[in-house]
């Protein structure tokens, strides 16, 4: 290699690089969430831990081991408001119609339980418009709605406070 080529290579290597979206791979947390392999019991327990991190109180899983939960995976409260938390962690990506069907079913559980609203927790990626659709659907039913999709879950779990939940439910540990 001649001197000019070496200098050119050094200059190129010294330039700051900006990663494009295609250069960035999913974090271990995102992959574990999106490719959920731990079943509905662990999903509901995981969701209860996320709610605890988010300062919900009186967290009561209804039937995480199976059986009838009366249309509510978890009962909880925060800020004087009573909530039903609904958990949807399929092992593969689902289209919006499937997610919406699950949401609408779970919304009825919140109404039946006479709660203020629903906290919908899913490992699926939702657009801002899709999240807004859920909020509007809930409002038509005189319910409030908070959505934790995969991106919002990442914000909670990829924090120092979320480390224990990642270790317990996603089998992700800190690397030295």
N, C-alpha and C. Protein backbone atom coordinates (compact mmCIF):
# COMPACT_ATOMS: atom_id res chain seq x y z
N UNK A 1 0.85 -1.16 0.00
CA UNK A 1 0.00 0.00 0.00
C UNK A 1 0.90 1.23 0.00
N UNK A 2 0.63 2.17 -0.87
CA UNK A 2 1.48 3.36 -0.92
C UNK A 2 1.09 4.35 0.18
N UNK A 3 1.97 5.33 0.42
CA UNK A 3 1.78 6.32 1.48
C UNK A 3 0.49 7.09 1.33
N UNK A 4 0.15 7.47 0.10
CA UNK A 4 -1.08 8.23 -0.15
C UNK A 4 -2.32 7.45 0.25
N UNK A 5 -2.31 6.16 -0.05
CA UNK A 5 -3.45 5.32 0.31
C UNK A 5 -3.55 5.16 1.82
N UNK A 6 -2.41 5.03 2.49
CA UNK A 6 -2.39 4.91 3.95
C UNK A 6 -2.94 6.19 4.58
N UNK A 7 -2.47 7.36 4.12
CA UNK A 7 -2.96 8.63 4.66
C UNK A 7 -4.46 8.78 4.42
N UNK A 8 -4.91 8.39 3.25
CA UNK A 8 -6.33 8.48 2.93
C UNK A 8 -7.15 7.58 3.86
N UNK A 9 -6.67 6.36 4.11
CA UNK A 9 -7.35 5.43 5.00
C UNK A 9 -7.39 5.97 6.42
N UNK A 10 -6.29 6.57 6.87
CA UNK A 10 -6.25 7.14 8.22
C UNK A 10 -7.25 8.28 8.35
N UNK A 11 -7.30 9.17 7.35
CA UNK A 11 -8.26 10.28 7.38
C UNK A 11 -9.69 9.74 7.43
N UNK A 12 -9.97 8.72 6.62
CA UNK A 12 -11.31 8.15 6.59
C UNK A 12 -11.68 7.57 7.96
N UNK A 13 -10.74 6.84 8.57
CA UNK A 13 -10.99 6.24 9.88
C UNK A 13 -11.18 7.28 10.97
N UNK A 14 -10.52 8.43 10.83
CA UNK A 14 -10.60 9.48 11.84
C UNK A 14 -11.89 10.28 11.76
N UNK A 15 -12.61 10.19 10.64
CA UNK A 15 -13.85 10.95 10.50
C UNK A 15 -14.92 10.39 11.42
N UNK A 16 -15.70 11.29 12.04
CA UNK A 16 -16.80 10.80 12.87
C UNK A 16 -17.84 10.09 12.00
N UNK A 17 -18.36 9.02 12.50
CA UNK A 17 -19.35 8.24 11.76
C UNK A 17 -20.74 8.49 12.36
N UNK A 18 -21.71 8.62 11.52
CA UNK A 18 -23.10 8.74 11.96
C UNK A 18 -23.80 7.47 11.54
N UNK A 19 -24.36 6.78 12.53
CA UNK A 19 -25.03 5.51 12.23
C UNK A 19 -26.37 5.78 11.58
N UNK A 20 -26.66 5.06 10.55
CA UNK A 20 -27.99 5.14 9.94
C UNK A 20 -28.89 4.13 10.64
N UNK A 21 -30.18 4.26 10.40
CA UNK A 21 -31.13 3.35 11.03
C UNK A 21 -30.81 1.90 10.69
N UNK A 22 -30.32 1.64 9.50
CA UNK A 22 -30.01 0.26 9.11
C UNK A 22 -28.75 -0.26 9.79
N UNK A 23 -27.90 0.66 10.32
CA UNK A 23 -26.68 0.25 11.01
C UNK A 23 -26.93 -0.12 12.47
N UNK A 24 -28.05 0.30 13.00
CA UNK A 24 -28.33 0.12 14.42
C UNK A 24 -29.15 -1.14 14.60
N UNK A 25 -28.64 -2.07 15.38
CA UNK A 25 -29.38 -3.29 15.62
C UNK A 25 -30.19 -3.15 16.91
N UNK A 26 -31.17 -4.00 17.07
CA UNK A 26 -32.01 -3.98 18.26
C UNK A 26 -31.18 -4.32 19.49
N UNK A 27 -31.53 -3.67 20.59
CA UNK A 27 -30.87 -3.99 21.85
C UNK A 27 -31.29 -5.38 22.30
N UNK A 28 -30.55 -5.93 23.23
CA UNK A 28 -30.92 -7.23 23.78
C UNK A 28 -32.28 -7.18 24.44
N UNK A 29 -32.58 -6.05 25.07
CA UNK A 29 -33.88 -5.90 25.72
C UNK A 29 -34.99 -5.92 24.68
N UNK A 30 -34.80 -5.17 23.61
CA UNK A 30 -35.83 -5.12 22.57
C UNK A 30 -36.04 -6.50 21.94
N UNK A 31 -34.97 -7.18 21.64
CA UNK A 31 -35.08 -8.51 21.04
C UNK A 31 -35.82 -9.47 21.96
N UNK A 32 -35.46 -9.46 23.25
CA UNK A 32 -36.12 -10.37 24.20
C UNK A 32 -37.61 -10.06 24.32
N UNK A 33 -37.97 -8.78 24.28
CA UNK A 33 -39.38 -8.41 24.35
C UNK A 33 -40.12 -8.81 23.08
N UNK A 34 -39.56 -8.45 21.94
CA UNK A 34 -40.25 -8.66 20.67
C UNK A 34 -40.36 -10.14 20.30
N UNK A 35 -39.40 -10.94 20.75
CA UNK A 35 -39.42 -12.38 20.48
C UNK A 35 -39.72 -13.15 21.76
N UNK A 36 -40.78 -12.75 22.43
CA UNK A 36 -41.14 -13.27 23.75
C UNK A 36 -41.32 -14.78 23.70
N UNK A 37 -40.60 -15.49 24.58
CA UNK A 37 -40.64 -16.95 24.59
C UNK A 37 -41.00 -17.52 25.96
N UNK A 38 -41.52 -16.67 26.85
CA UNK A 38 -41.69 -17.10 28.23
C UNK A 38 -43.14 -17.31 28.64
N UNK A 39 -44.08 -17.21 27.71
CA UNK A 39 -45.48 -17.51 28.00
C UNK A 39 -46.22 -16.38 28.71
N UNK A 40 -47.52 -16.60 28.86
CA UNK A 40 -48.38 -15.55 29.41
C UNK A 40 -48.19 -15.35 30.92
N UNK A 41 -47.87 -16.39 31.65
CA UNK A 41 -47.65 -16.23 33.10
C UNK A 41 -46.50 -15.27 33.35
N UNK A 42 -45.37 -15.50 32.70
CA UNK A 42 -44.22 -14.62 32.89
C UNK A 42 -44.48 -13.22 32.33
N UNK A 43 -45.25 -13.14 31.24
CA UNK A 43 -45.59 -11.83 30.68
C UNK A 43 -46.38 -11.00 31.69
N UNK A 44 -47.34 -11.62 32.35
CA UNK A 44 -48.14 -10.89 33.33
C UNK A 44 -47.31 -10.52 34.55
N UNK A 45 -46.44 -11.39 34.98
CA UNK A 45 -45.56 -11.05 36.11
C UNK A 45 -44.58 -9.95 35.72
N UNK A 46 -44.06 -10.02 34.52
CA UNK A 46 -43.16 -8.98 34.00
C UNK A 46 -43.89 -7.64 33.98
N UNK A 47 -45.12 -7.63 33.45
CA UNK A 47 -45.91 -6.40 33.38
C UNK A 47 -46.17 -5.84 34.78
N UNK A 48 -46.45 -6.70 35.74
CA UNK A 48 -46.66 -6.23 37.12
C UNK A 48 -45.40 -5.55 37.65
N UNK A 49 -44.24 -6.08 37.31
CA UNK A 49 -42.98 -5.45 37.73
C UNK A 49 -42.78 -4.10 37.06
N UNK A 50 -43.15 -4.00 35.79
CA UNK A 50 -43.05 -2.71 35.09
C UNK A 50 -43.98 -1.69 35.75
N UNK A 51 -45.19 -2.12 36.09
CA UNK A 51 -46.13 -1.22 36.77
C UNK A 51 -45.55 -0.72 38.09
N UNK A 52 -44.90 -1.62 38.82
CA UNK A 52 -44.27 -1.25 40.09
C UNK A 52 -43.18 -0.19 39.85
N UNK A 53 -42.36 -0.39 38.81
CA UNK A 53 -41.33 0.60 38.47
C UNK A 53 -41.94 1.95 38.12
N UNK A 54 -43.13 1.93 37.54
CA UNK A 54 -43.82 3.14 37.12
C UNK A 54 -44.69 3.74 38.23
N UNK A 55 -44.51 3.24 39.44
CA UNK A 55 -45.15 3.79 40.64
C UNK A 55 -46.64 3.51 40.75
N UNK A 56 -47.11 2.44 40.11
CA UNK A 56 -48.47 1.99 40.37
C UNK A 56 -48.46 1.28 41.72
N UNK A 57 -49.60 1.24 42.37
CA UNK A 57 -49.70 0.63 43.69
C UNK A 57 -50.82 -0.41 43.71
N UNK A 58 -50.86 -1.15 44.81
CA UNK A 58 -51.89 -2.17 45.01
C UNK A 58 -52.03 -3.05 43.77
N UNK A 59 -50.91 -3.52 43.29
CA UNK A 59 -50.85 -4.32 42.06
C UNK A 59 -51.32 -5.74 42.39
N UNK A 60 -52.41 -6.14 41.75
CA UNK A 60 -53.02 -7.43 42.03
C UNK A 60 -53.20 -8.24 40.75
N UNK A 61 -52.24 -9.12 40.43
CA UNK A 61 -52.46 -10.02 39.29
C UNK A 61 -53.69 -10.88 39.57
N UNK A 62 -54.54 -11.06 38.56
CA UNK A 62 -55.81 -11.75 38.79
C UNK A 62 -55.74 -13.26 38.60
N UNK A 63 -55.08 -13.74 37.58
CA UNK A 63 -54.98 -15.19 37.35
C UNK A 63 -53.79 -15.49 36.44
N UNK A 64 -52.57 -15.14 36.87
CA UNK A 64 -51.42 -15.34 35.98
C UNK A 64 -51.12 -16.81 35.67
N UNK A 65 -51.61 -17.73 36.48
CA UNK A 65 -51.36 -19.15 36.23
C UNK A 65 -52.43 -19.77 35.35
N UNK A 66 -53.34 -18.94 34.85
CA UNK A 66 -54.41 -19.45 33.99
C UNK A 66 -55.74 -19.40 34.69
N UNK A 67 -56.77 -19.67 33.94
CA UNK A 67 -58.12 -19.62 34.50
C UNK A 67 -58.73 -18.25 34.24
N UNK A 68 -59.95 -18.09 34.70
CA UNK A 68 -60.68 -16.85 34.44
C UNK A 68 -60.16 -15.68 35.26
N UNK A 69 -59.93 -14.58 34.58
CA UNK A 69 -59.51 -13.37 35.29
C UNK A 69 -60.57 -12.28 35.22
N UNK A 70 -61.76 -12.65 34.71
CA UNK A 70 -62.85 -11.69 34.64
C UNK A 70 -62.56 -10.51 33.73
N UNK A 71 -61.72 -10.71 32.74
CA UNK A 71 -61.42 -9.64 31.80
C UNK A 71 -60.40 -8.64 32.28
N UNK A 72 -59.62 -9.04 33.29
CA UNK A 72 -58.59 -8.14 33.82
C UNK A 72 -57.37 -8.95 34.19
N UNK A 73 -56.22 -8.66 33.57
CA UNK A 73 -54.99 -9.38 33.93
C UNK A 73 -54.47 -8.91 35.28
N UNK A 74 -54.48 -7.58 35.49
CA UNK A 74 -53.92 -7.00 36.71
C UNK A 74 -54.81 -5.83 37.12
N UNK A 75 -55.10 -5.72 38.40
CA UNK A 75 -55.75 -4.54 38.95
C UNK A 75 -54.69 -3.72 39.66
N UNK A 76 -54.78 -2.39 39.55
CA UNK A 76 -53.80 -1.53 40.20
C UNK A 76 -54.37 -0.12 40.32
N UNK A 77 -53.65 0.74 41.01
CA UNK A 77 -54.06 2.14 41.09
C UNK A 77 -52.82 3.03 41.08
N UNK A 78 -53.07 4.28 40.70
CA UNK A 78 -52.01 5.29 40.72
C UNK A 78 -52.69 6.66 40.70
N UNK A 79 -52.23 7.52 41.57
CA UNK A 79 -52.77 8.87 41.61
C UNK A 79 -54.26 8.95 41.88
N UNK A 80 -54.76 8.05 42.70
CA UNK A 80 -56.18 8.06 43.02
C UNK A 80 -57.08 7.49 41.92
N UNK A 81 -56.49 6.94 40.86
CA UNK A 81 -57.24 6.36 39.74
C UNK A 81 -57.10 4.84 39.78
N UNK A 82 -58.18 4.14 39.50
CA UNK A 82 -58.19 2.69 39.48
C UNK A 82 -58.05 2.20 38.04
N UNK A 83 -57.16 1.22 37.84
CA UNK A 83 -56.83 0.76 36.48
C UNK A 83 -56.94 -0.75 36.37
N UNK A 84 -57.27 -1.21 35.17
CA UNK A 84 -57.08 -2.60 34.76
C UNK A 84 -55.87 -2.59 33.84
N UNK A 85 -54.91 -3.43 34.12
CA UNK A 85 -53.77 -3.60 33.21
C UNK A 85 -54.02 -4.85 32.38
N UNK A 86 -53.90 -4.68 31.07
CA UNK A 86 -54.07 -5.79 30.13
C UNK A 86 -52.73 -6.06 29.48
N UNK A 87 -52.34 -7.32 29.41
CA UNK A 87 -51.02 -7.71 28.93
C UNK A 87 -51.17 -8.52 27.64
N UNK A 88 -50.41 -8.11 26.62
CA UNK A 88 -50.43 -8.81 25.33
C UNK A 88 -49.00 -8.95 24.83
N UNK A 89 -48.43 -10.16 24.99
CA UNK A 89 -47.05 -10.47 24.61
C UNK A 89 -47.01 -11.69 23.70
N UNK A 90 -47.48 -11.57 22.46
CA UNK A 90 -47.37 -12.72 21.55
C UNK A 90 -45.90 -12.96 21.18
N UNK A 91 -45.55 -14.17 20.77
CA UNK A 91 -44.15 -14.48 20.47
C UNK A 91 -43.65 -13.96 19.13
N UNK A 92 -44.55 -13.42 18.31
CA UNK A 92 -44.17 -12.90 17.00
C UNK A 92 -44.87 -11.56 16.77
N UNK A 93 -44.40 -10.84 15.75
CA UNK A 93 -45.05 -9.57 15.39
C UNK A 93 -46.47 -9.84 14.92
N UNK A 94 -47.38 -8.97 15.34
CA UNK A 94 -48.78 -9.07 14.95
C UNK A 94 -49.17 -7.82 14.17
N UNK A 95 -50.14 -7.97 13.28
CA UNK A 95 -50.60 -6.78 12.58
C UNK A 95 -51.53 -6.00 13.51
N UNK A 96 -51.73 -4.73 13.18
CA UNK A 96 -52.47 -3.85 14.08
C UNK A 96 -53.88 -4.36 14.35
N UNK A 97 -54.53 -4.95 13.38
CA UNK A 97 -55.91 -5.45 13.58
C UNK A 97 -55.97 -6.48 14.71
N UNK A 98 -54.96 -7.35 14.79
CA UNK A 98 -54.92 -8.35 15.86
C UNK A 98 -54.71 -7.69 17.22
N UNK A 99 -53.81 -6.73 17.27
CA UNK A 99 -53.53 -6.01 18.53
C UNK A 99 -54.78 -5.25 18.97
N UNK A 100 -55.43 -4.61 18.00
CA UNK A 100 -56.63 -3.82 18.29
C UNK A 100 -57.75 -4.71 18.83
N UNK A 101 -57.89 -5.90 18.25
CA UNK A 101 -58.92 -6.83 18.72
C UNK A 101 -58.68 -7.19 20.20
N UNK A 102 -57.45 -7.47 20.55
CA UNK A 102 -57.10 -7.78 21.94
C UNK A 102 -57.37 -6.58 22.84
N UNK A 103 -56.97 -5.38 22.39
CA UNK A 103 -57.20 -4.17 23.17
C UNK A 103 -58.70 -3.97 23.44
N UNK A 104 -59.52 -4.09 22.41
CA UNK A 104 -60.95 -3.85 22.56
C UNK A 104 -61.58 -4.86 23.52
N UNK A 105 -61.13 -6.09 23.46
CA UNK A 105 -61.62 -7.11 24.40
C UNK A 105 -61.24 -6.73 25.83
N UNK A 106 -59.99 -6.34 26.03
CA UNK A 106 -59.52 -5.99 27.37
C UNK A 106 -60.16 -4.70 27.88
N UNK A 107 -60.48 -3.78 27.00
CA UNK A 107 -61.15 -2.55 27.39
C UNK A 107 -62.50 -2.86 28.05
N UNK A 108 -63.18 -3.86 27.55
CA UNK A 108 -64.46 -4.25 28.15
C UNK A 108 -64.27 -4.75 29.58
N UNK A 109 -63.12 -5.38 29.84
CA UNK A 109 -62.81 -5.82 31.21
C UNK A 109 -62.67 -4.64 32.16
N UNK A 110 -62.08 -3.56 31.68
CA UNK A 110 -61.94 -2.36 32.51
C UNK A 110 -63.31 -1.76 32.82
N UNK A 111 -64.17 -1.72 31.81
CA UNK A 111 -65.53 -1.20 32.01
C UNK A 111 -66.30 -2.07 32.99
N UNK A 112 -66.20 -3.39 32.79
CA UNK A 112 -66.94 -4.33 33.64
C UNK A 112 -66.52 -4.20 35.10
N UNK A 113 -65.24 -3.93 35.31
CA UNK A 113 -64.71 -3.80 36.67
C UNK A 113 -64.92 -2.40 37.25
N UNK A 114 -65.55 -1.51 36.46
CA UNK A 114 -65.81 -0.14 36.89
C UNK A 114 -64.54 0.59 37.31
N UNK A 115 -63.50 0.44 36.49
CA UNK A 115 -62.23 1.12 36.71
C UNK A 115 -62.23 2.43 35.92
N UNK A 116 -61.27 3.29 36.22
CA UNK A 116 -61.15 4.55 35.47
C UNK A 116 -60.63 4.32 34.06
N UNK A 117 -59.86 3.24 33.89
CA UNK A 117 -59.31 3.02 32.57
C UNK A 117 -58.45 1.78 32.49
N UNK A 118 -57.76 1.71 31.36
CA UNK A 118 -56.94 0.54 31.02
C UNK A 118 -55.50 0.97 30.79
N UNK A 119 -54.60 0.15 31.30
CA UNK A 119 -53.17 0.26 30.98
C UNK A 119 -52.90 -0.95 30.08
N UNK A 120 -52.63 -0.68 28.81
CA UNK A 120 -52.41 -1.76 27.84
C UNK A 120 -50.91 -1.92 27.66
N UNK A 121 -50.39 -3.11 28.01
CA UNK A 121 -48.96 -3.38 27.99
C UNK A 121 -48.69 -4.45 26.94
N UNK A 122 -47.90 -4.10 25.93
CA UNK A 122 -47.64 -5.04 24.85
C UNK A 122 -46.19 -5.00 24.40
N UNK A 123 -45.72 -6.11 23.89
CA UNK A 123 -44.36 -6.18 23.35
C UNK A 123 -44.34 -5.82 21.86
N UNK A 124 -45.43 -5.31 21.36
CA UNK A 124 -45.53 -4.95 19.95
C UNK A 124 -45.14 -3.48 19.73
N UNK A 125 -44.67 -3.18 18.55
CA UNK A 125 -44.34 -1.80 18.18
C UNK A 125 -45.61 -1.15 17.64
N UNK A 126 -45.99 -0.01 18.20
CA UNK A 126 -47.17 0.72 17.75
C UNK A 126 -46.75 2.12 17.33
N UNK A 127 -47.36 2.61 16.27
CA UNK A 127 -47.10 3.98 15.85
C UNK A 127 -47.84 4.94 16.78
N UNK A 128 -47.50 6.20 16.69
CA UNK A 128 -48.20 7.21 17.49
C UNK A 128 -49.69 7.21 17.13
N UNK A 129 -50.00 7.07 15.85
CA UNK A 129 -51.40 7.02 15.41
C UNK A 129 -52.14 5.82 15.96
N UNK A 130 -51.48 4.67 16.00
CA UNK A 130 -52.11 3.46 16.55
C UNK A 130 -52.36 3.62 18.05
N UNK A 131 -51.39 4.18 18.77
CA UNK A 131 -51.60 4.44 20.20
C UNK A 131 -52.76 5.40 20.40
N UNK A 132 -52.84 6.43 19.56
CA UNK A 132 -53.92 7.40 19.65
C UNK A 132 -55.27 6.75 19.36
N UNK A 133 -55.30 5.79 18.45
CA UNK A 133 -56.53 5.06 18.17
C UNK A 133 -57.04 4.38 19.44
N UNK A 134 -56.14 3.78 20.21
CA UNK A 134 -56.54 3.13 21.46
C UNK A 134 -57.08 4.15 22.45
N UNK A 135 -56.42 5.29 22.57
CA UNK A 135 -56.88 6.33 23.49
C UNK A 135 -58.29 6.80 23.09
N UNK A 136 -58.50 7.03 21.81
CA UNK A 136 -59.81 7.49 21.33
C UNK A 136 -60.89 6.43 21.52
N UNK A 137 -60.53 5.17 21.27
CA UNK A 137 -61.48 4.07 21.48
C UNK A 137 -61.89 4.02 22.95
N UNK A 138 -60.93 4.14 23.84
CA UNK A 138 -61.22 4.12 25.27
C UNK A 138 -62.09 5.31 25.66
N UNK A 139 -61.79 6.49 25.15
CA UNK A 139 -62.58 7.67 25.48
C UNK A 139 -64.04 7.52 25.04
N UNK A 140 -64.26 6.89 23.90
CA UNK A 140 -65.64 6.64 23.45
C UNK A 140 -66.39 5.74 24.44
N UNK A 141 -65.65 4.93 25.15
CA UNK A 141 -66.24 4.02 26.16
C UNK A 141 -66.18 4.64 27.56
N UNK A 142 -65.86 5.93 27.62
CA UNK A 142 -65.75 6.67 28.89
C UNK A 142 -64.67 6.07 29.80
N UNK A 143 -63.56 5.66 29.17
CA UNK A 143 -62.42 5.09 29.88
C UNK A 143 -61.16 5.88 29.52
N UNK A 144 -60.22 5.91 30.44
CA UNK A 144 -58.90 6.47 30.15
C UNK A 144 -58.03 5.34 29.61
N UNK A 145 -56.91 5.71 28.98
CA UNK A 145 -56.05 4.69 28.39
C UNK A 145 -54.59 5.14 28.45
N UNK A 146 -53.74 4.24 28.91
CA UNK A 146 -52.30 4.42 28.88
C UNK A 146 -51.73 3.20 28.16
N UNK A 147 -50.87 3.46 27.17
CA UNK A 147 -50.30 2.37 26.38
C UNK A 147 -48.81 2.26 26.64
N UNK A 148 -48.36 1.07 26.98
CA UNK A 148 -46.94 0.74 27.06
C UNK A 148 -46.65 -0.22 25.91
N UNK A 149 -46.14 0.32 24.80
CA UNK A 149 -45.71 -0.54 23.71
C UNK A 149 -44.22 -0.83 23.90
N UNK A 150 -43.61 -1.52 22.96
CA UNK A 150 -42.22 -1.95 23.14
C UNK A 150 -41.28 -0.76 23.37
N UNK A 151 -41.51 0.35 22.69
CA UNK A 151 -40.61 1.50 22.86
C UNK A 151 -40.71 2.09 24.26
N UNK A 152 -41.94 2.21 24.76
CA UNK A 152 -42.10 2.74 26.12
C UNK A 152 -41.54 1.76 27.14
N UNK A 153 -41.73 0.47 26.91
CA UNK A 153 -41.14 -0.52 27.81
C UNK A 153 -39.62 -0.42 27.84
N UNK A 154 -39.02 -0.19 26.68
CA UNK A 154 -37.56 -0.05 26.62
C UNK A 154 -37.10 1.12 27.48
N UNK A 155 -37.84 2.22 27.46
CA UNK A 155 -37.49 3.37 28.27
C UNK A 155 -37.49 3.06 29.76
N UNK A 156 -38.40 2.20 30.18
CA UNK A 156 -38.49 1.80 31.59
C UNK A 156 -37.40 0.78 31.92
N UNK A 157 -37.27 -0.23 31.06
CA UNK A 157 -36.38 -1.35 31.37
C UNK A 157 -34.91 -1.04 31.17
N UNK A 158 -34.58 -0.20 30.19
CA UNK A 158 -33.17 0.13 29.94
C UNK A 158 -32.73 1.31 30.80
N UNK A 159 -33.16 1.30 32.03
CA UNK A 159 -32.77 2.31 33.02
C UNK A 159 -32.16 1.56 34.20
N UNK A 160 -31.40 2.26 35.04
CA UNK A 160 -30.84 1.56 36.20
C UNK A 160 -31.91 0.88 37.06
N UNK A 161 -33.07 1.51 37.20
CA UNK A 161 -34.14 0.92 38.00
C UNK A 161 -34.70 -0.35 37.36
N UNK A 162 -34.62 -0.45 36.03
CA UNK A 162 -35.17 -1.59 35.33
C UNK A 162 -34.27 -2.80 35.26
N UNK A 163 -33.03 -2.66 35.75
CA UNK A 163 -32.06 -3.75 35.61
C UNK A 163 -32.56 -5.06 36.22
N UNK A 164 -33.10 -5.00 37.42
CA UNK A 164 -33.56 -6.23 38.08
C UNK A 164 -34.67 -6.93 37.32
N UNK A 165 -35.57 -6.15 36.73
CA UNK A 165 -36.66 -6.73 35.94
C UNK A 165 -36.10 -7.40 34.69
N UNK A 166 -35.13 -6.75 34.05
CA UNK A 166 -34.49 -7.36 32.87
C UNK A 166 -33.81 -8.67 33.23
N UNK A 167 -33.12 -8.68 34.35
CA UNK A 167 -32.43 -9.90 34.77
C UNK A 167 -33.43 -11.01 35.10
N UNK A 168 -34.50 -10.64 35.80
CA UNK A 168 -35.46 -11.65 36.26
C UNK A 168 -36.32 -12.21 35.13
N UNK A 169 -36.82 -11.37 34.26
CA UNK A 169 -37.80 -11.80 33.27
C UNK A 169 -37.29 -11.93 31.85
N UNK A 170 -36.22 -11.21 31.52
CA UNK A 170 -35.68 -11.28 30.16
C UNK A 170 -34.37 -12.04 30.11
N UNK A 171 -33.86 -12.42 31.28
CA UNK A 171 -32.58 -13.15 31.38
C UNK A 171 -31.43 -12.35 30.78
N UNK A 172 -31.49 -11.03 30.98
CA UNK A 172 -30.43 -10.14 30.49
C UNK A 172 -29.66 -9.65 31.70
N UNK A 173 -28.36 -9.89 31.70
CA UNK A 173 -27.52 -9.45 32.81
C UNK A 173 -26.55 -8.39 32.32
N UNK A 174 -25.98 -7.69 33.26
CA UNK A 174 -25.02 -6.63 32.94
C UNK A 174 -23.71 -7.26 32.52
N UNK A 175 -23.13 -6.76 31.44
CA UNK A 175 -21.83 -7.24 30.99
C UNK A 175 -20.74 -6.40 31.64
N UNK A 176 -19.61 -7.06 32.00
CA UNK A 176 -18.51 -6.28 32.62
C UNK A 176 -17.87 -5.31 31.64
